[in-house]
Amino acid sequence: MPVNKHRAAKLVVRDNENREYYVIANPGMASKWRNDKTIPLVDVVQSFDVWTSNCYKETGEAIRPPKGMLESAFQTKDGDEMVRQIVERGEEKGM
């Protein structure tokens, strides 16, 4: 059985202003979850923290965005729902 060298991945979405938001996930689990929603999100993501960068590039420093920015981007105040949306729509990228 091949060994997965990558122990974490980013699931990335962009808002209407092209700002990137992401969660840290277990590689390959988002696509499995999309096909089988009985998989708990806790098995997909490594934490329920949503991150952005201090610039509009992938290489910026990771920061926690203000609540108002997150609420505007995801149209909800529920942090778990924000994570669910990122897992649902996010593009998986290596770290």
N, C-alpha and C. Protein backbone atom coordinates (compact mmCIF):
# COMPACT_ATOMS: atom_id res chain seq x y z
N MET A 1 0.85 -1.18 0.00
CA MET A 1 0.00 0.00 0.00
C MET A 1 0.90 1.25 0.00
N PRO A 2 0.68 2.21 -0.92
CA PRO A 2 1.50 3.42 -0.97
C PRO A 2 1.29 4.29 0.27
N VAL A 3 2.37 4.91 0.69
CA VAL A 3 2.32 5.80 1.85
C VAL A 3 2.02 7.21 1.38
N ASN A 4 1.06 7.88 2.03
CA ASN A 4 0.73 9.27 1.69
C ASN A 4 1.76 10.18 2.36
N LYS A 5 2.59 10.83 1.56
CA LYS A 5 3.63 11.71 2.09
C LYS A 5 3.06 13.02 2.60
N HIS A 6 1.87 13.37 2.15
CA HIS A 6 1.25 14.63 2.55
C HIS A 6 0.30 14.37 3.72
N ARG A 7 0.55 15.01 4.83
CA ARG A 7 -0.27 14.78 6.02
C ARG A 7 -1.35 15.84 6.18
N ALA A 8 -1.31 16.85 5.34
CA ALA A 8 -2.33 17.91 5.41
C ALA A 8 -2.48 18.54 4.03
N ALA A 9 -3.67 19.07 3.82
CA ALA A 9 -3.97 19.78 2.58
C ALA A 9 -4.82 21.00 2.94
N LYS A 10 -4.83 21.97 2.06
CA LYS A 10 -5.72 23.13 2.22
C LYS A 10 -6.92 22.93 1.33
N LEU A 11 -8.10 23.22 1.86
CA LEU A 11 -9.31 23.29 1.04
C LEU A 11 -9.60 24.77 0.89
N VAL A 12 -9.56 25.26 -0.34
CA VAL A 12 -9.56 26.69 -0.61
C VAL A 12 -10.81 27.11 -1.39
N VAL A 13 -11.44 28.20 -0.93
CA VAL A 13 -12.51 28.86 -1.69
C VAL A 13 -12.16 30.34 -1.78
N ARG A 14 -12.75 31.00 -2.76
CA ARG A 14 -12.55 32.45 -2.92
C ARG A 14 -13.91 33.14 -2.88
N ASP A 15 -13.94 34.32 -2.27
CA ASP A 15 -15.18 35.09 -2.24
C ASP A 15 -15.29 35.98 -3.47
N ASN A 16 -16.32 36.81 -3.51
CA ASN A 16 -16.55 37.68 -4.68
C ASN A 16 -15.45 38.71 -4.87
N GLU A 17 -14.69 38.98 -3.82
CA GLU A 17 -13.58 39.94 -3.93
C GLU A 17 -12.25 39.24 -4.16
N ASN A 18 -12.31 37.93 -4.47
CA ASN A 18 -11.15 37.10 -4.75
C ASN A 18 -10.28 36.86 -3.52
N ARG A 19 -10.82 37.06 -2.33
CA ARG A 19 -10.08 36.74 -1.11
C ARG A 19 -10.20 35.25 -0.86
N GLU A 20 -9.08 34.66 -0.51
CA GLU A 20 -9.01 33.22 -0.30
C GLU A 20 -9.31 32.88 1.16
N TYR A 21 -10.15 31.88 1.37
CA TYR A 21 -10.43 31.34 2.69
C TYR A 21 -10.14 29.84 2.63
N TYR A 22 -9.60 29.30 3.71
CA TYR A 22 -9.30 27.87 3.66
C TYR A 22 -9.34 27.24 5.05
N VAL A 23 -9.46 25.92 5.03
CA VAL A 23 -9.32 25.09 6.22
C VAL A 23 -8.23 24.07 5.94
N ILE A 24 -7.64 23.56 7.01
CA ILE A 24 -6.65 22.51 6.89
C ILE A 24 -7.38 21.17 7.00
N ALA A 25 -7.13 20.30 6.04
CA ALA A 25 -7.88 19.05 5.95
C ALA A 25 -6.94 17.86 5.79
N ASN A 26 -7.51 16.69 5.97
CA ASN A 26 -6.80 15.44 5.71
C ASN A 26 -6.87 15.18 4.20
N PRO A 27 -5.73 14.93 3.57
CA PRO A 27 -5.70 14.76 2.11
C PRO A 27 -6.68 13.70 1.63
N GLY A 28 -7.43 14.03 0.59
CA GLY A 28 -8.35 13.11 -0.05
C GLY A 28 -9.70 12.95 0.64
N MET A 29 -9.84 13.46 1.85
CA MET A 29 -11.07 13.24 2.60
C MET A 29 -12.23 14.10 2.11
N ALA A 30 -11.96 15.28 1.56
CA ALA A 30 -13.06 16.14 1.09
C ALA A 30 -13.82 15.46 -0.04
N SER A 31 -13.11 14.86 -0.98
CA SER A 31 -13.80 14.20 -2.08
C SER A 31 -14.58 12.99 -1.58
N LYS A 32 -14.05 12.28 -0.60
CA LYS A 32 -14.80 11.16 -0.01
C LYS A 32 -16.06 11.66 0.66
N TRP A 33 -15.95 12.77 1.41
CA TRP A 33 -17.11 13.35 2.11
C TRP A 33 -18.17 13.81 1.11
N ARG A 34 -17.74 14.40 0.01
CA ARG A 34 -18.70 14.87 -1.00
C ARG A 34 -19.53 13.72 -1.55
N ASN A 35 -18.94 12.54 -1.60
CA ASN A 35 -19.66 11.36 -2.10
C ASN A 35 -20.40 10.61 -0.99
N ASP A 36 -20.04 10.85 0.26
CA ASP A 36 -20.65 10.14 1.38
C ASP A 36 -20.76 11.09 2.57
N LYS A 37 -21.88 11.83 2.64
CA LYS A 37 -22.06 12.85 3.68
C LYS A 37 -22.25 12.25 5.08
N THR A 38 -22.25 10.90 5.19
CA THR A 38 -22.31 10.30 6.53
C THR A 38 -20.95 10.36 7.23
N ILE A 39 -19.89 10.66 6.47
CA ILE A 39 -18.56 10.84 7.07
C ILE A 39 -18.59 12.11 7.90
N PRO A 40 -18.25 12.05 9.18
CA PRO A 40 -18.26 13.27 10.01
C PRO A 40 -17.22 14.28 9.52
N LEU A 41 -17.57 15.56 9.55
CA LEU A 41 -16.63 16.60 9.13
C LEU A 41 -15.35 16.58 9.95
N VAL A 42 -15.45 16.14 11.19
CA VAL A 42 -14.27 16.07 12.04
C VAL A 42 -13.24 15.08 11.49
N ASP A 43 -13.67 14.14 10.65
CA ASP A 43 -12.75 13.22 10.00
C ASP A 43 -12.16 13.81 8.72
N VAL A 44 -12.73 14.91 8.26
CA VAL A 44 -12.29 15.55 7.02
C VAL A 44 -11.29 16.67 7.32
N VAL A 45 -11.64 17.55 8.24
CA VAL A 45 -10.79 18.70 8.55
C VAL A 45 -9.95 18.41 9.80
N GLN A 46 -8.81 19.07 9.87
CA GLN A 46 -7.95 18.89 11.03
C GLN A 46 -8.32 19.85 12.16
N SER A 47 -9.02 20.92 11.82
CA SER A 47 -9.57 21.83 12.82
C SER A 47 -10.71 22.60 12.15
N PHE A 48 -11.53 23.22 12.96
CA PHE A 48 -12.65 24.00 12.43
C PHE A 48 -12.30 25.49 12.35
N ASP A 49 -11.01 25.79 12.26
CA ASP A 49 -10.55 27.17 12.09
C ASP A 49 -10.55 27.51 10.60
N VAL A 50 -11.09 28.68 10.28
CA VAL A 50 -11.07 29.18 8.91
C VAL A 50 -9.96 30.22 8.84
N TRP A 51 -9.14 30.12 7.82
CA TRP A 51 -7.98 31.01 7.65
C TRP A 51 -8.09 31.80 6.36
N THR A 52 -7.35 32.89 6.31
CA THR A 52 -7.13 33.65 5.09
C THR A 52 -5.68 34.10 5.13
N SER A 53 -5.26 34.87 4.17
CA SER A 53 -3.89 35.39 4.21
C SER A 53 -3.95 36.91 4.26
N ASN A 54 -2.83 37.50 4.60
CA ASN A 54 -2.79 38.95 4.74
C ASN A 54 -2.66 39.65 3.39
N CYS A 55 -2.72 38.87 2.32
CA CYS A 55 -2.73 39.44 0.97
C CYS A 55 -3.59 38.53 0.11
N TYR A 56 -3.75 38.84 -1.12
CA TYR A 56 -4.63 38.06 -1.99
C TYR A 56 -3.89 36.92 -2.68
N LYS A 57 -2.73 36.55 -2.17
CA LYS A 57 -1.94 35.47 -2.76
C LYS A 57 -1.91 34.29 -1.81
N GLU A 58 -1.62 33.13 -2.34
CA GLU A 58 -1.52 31.93 -1.52
C GLU A 58 -0.32 31.96 -0.59
N THR A 59 0.65 32.80 -0.85
CA THR A 59 1.88 32.79 -0.09
C THR A 59 1.86 33.72 1.12
N GLY A 60 0.79 34.43 1.34
CA GLY A 60 0.73 35.35 2.47
C GLY A 60 0.67 34.64 3.80
N GLU A 61 0.93 35.38 4.86
CA GLU A 61 0.88 34.83 6.22
C GLU A 61 -0.56 34.44 6.57
N ALA A 62 -0.73 33.28 7.18
CA ALA A 62 -2.05 32.80 7.57
C ALA A 62 -2.56 33.61 8.75
N ILE A 63 -3.79 34.12 8.62
CA ILE A 63 -4.42 34.88 9.70
C ILE A 63 -5.87 34.42 9.85
N ARG A 64 -6.41 34.62 11.03
CA ARG A 64 -7.84 34.36 11.24
C ARG A 64 -8.60 35.62 10.85
N PRO A 65 -9.49 35.53 9.90
CA PRO A 65 -10.23 36.72 9.47
C PRO A 65 -11.22 37.17 10.54
N PRO A 66 -11.55 38.45 10.57
CA PRO A 66 -12.56 38.95 11.50
C PRO A 66 -13.92 38.30 11.24
N LYS A 67 -14.73 38.17 12.29
CA LYS A 67 -16.04 37.54 12.17
C LYS A 67 -16.89 38.19 11.09
N GLY A 68 -16.90 39.51 11.03
CA GLY A 68 -17.71 40.21 10.03
C GLY A 68 -17.32 39.85 8.61
N MET A 69 -16.04 39.68 8.37
CA MET A 69 -15.56 39.31 7.04
C MET A 69 -16.04 37.89 6.70
N LEU A 70 -15.95 36.99 7.66
CA LEU A 70 -16.42 35.61 7.43
C LEU A 70 -17.92 35.57 7.19
N GLU A 71 -18.67 36.30 8.02
CA GLU A 71 -20.13 36.32 7.87
C GLU A 71 -20.54 36.84 6.51
N SER A 72 -19.84 37.84 6.02
CA SER A 72 -20.12 38.40 4.71
C SER A 72 -19.78 37.41 3.60
N ALA A 73 -18.66 36.74 3.74
CA ALA A 73 -18.22 35.81 2.70
C ALA A 73 -19.09 34.56 2.62
N PHE A 74 -19.57 34.07 3.79
CA PHE A 74 -20.29 32.80 3.82
C PHE A 74 -21.79 32.95 4.11
N GLN A 75 -22.25 34.17 4.32
CA GLN A 75 -23.67 34.44 4.56
C GLN A 75 -24.24 33.65 5.73
N THR A 76 -23.42 33.47 6.77
CA THR A 76 -23.86 32.79 7.99
C THR A 76 -22.97 33.21 9.14
N LYS A 77 -23.49 33.07 10.35
CA LYS A 77 -22.70 33.32 11.57
C LYS A 77 -22.20 32.01 12.18
N ASP A 78 -22.65 30.89 11.63
CA ASP A 78 -22.33 29.57 12.15
C ASP A 78 -20.98 29.09 11.61
N GLY A 79 -19.99 28.98 12.48
CA GLY A 79 -18.65 28.56 12.07
C GLY A 79 -18.61 27.17 11.46
N ASP A 80 -19.41 26.24 12.01
CA ASP A 80 -19.45 24.89 11.44
C ASP A 80 -20.01 24.91 10.02
N GLU A 81 -20.97 25.77 9.77
CA GLU A 81 -21.54 25.89 8.42
C GLU A 81 -20.51 26.47 7.46
N MET A 82 -19.70 27.42 7.93
CA MET A 82 -18.63 27.97 7.08
C MET A 82 -17.67 26.87 6.66
N VAL A 83 -17.28 26.03 7.63
CA VAL A 83 -16.37 24.93 7.32
C VAL A 83 -17.04 23.96 6.34
N ARG A 84 -18.31 23.65 6.56
CA ARG A 84 -19.03 22.75 5.65
C ARG A 84 -19.02 23.30 4.23
N GLN A 85 -19.25 24.61 4.08
CA GLN A 85 -19.24 25.23 2.75
C GLN A 85 -17.87 25.11 2.09
N ILE A 86 -16.82 25.30 2.88
CA ILE A 86 -15.46 25.20 2.32
C ILE A 86 -15.18 23.77 1.88
N VAL A 87 -15.57 22.80 2.70
CA VAL A 87 -15.37 21.40 2.32
C VAL A 87 -16.19 21.05 1.08
N GLU A 88 -17.40 21.57 1.01
CA GLU A 88 -18.29 21.29 -0.13
C GLU A 88 -17.73 21.86 -1.44
N ARG A 89 -17.25 23.10 -1.41
CA ARG A 89 -16.86 23.80 -2.64
C ARG A 89 -15.37 23.94 -2.84
N GLY A 90 -14.59 23.66 -1.81
CA GLY A 90 -13.18 23.98 -1.85
C GLY A 90 -12.34 23.13 -2.78
N GLU A 91 -11.31 23.75 -3.29
CA GLU A 91 -10.32 23.06 -4.11
C GLU A 91 -9.21 22.59 -3.20
N GLU A 92 -8.85 21.33 -3.29
CA GLU A 92 -7.78 20.79 -2.44
C GLU A 92 -6.43 21.15 -3.02
N LYS A 93 -5.58 21.69 -2.17
CA LYS A 93 -4.21 22.07 -2.56
C LYS A 93 -3.25 21.53 -1.52
N GLY A 94 -2.08 21.15 -1.97
CA GLY A 94 -1.05 20.68 -1.05
C GLY A 94 -0.53 21.81 -0.19
N MET A 95 0.15 21.44 0.85
CA MET A 95 0.72 22.44 1.75
C MET A 95 2.21 22.49 1.60
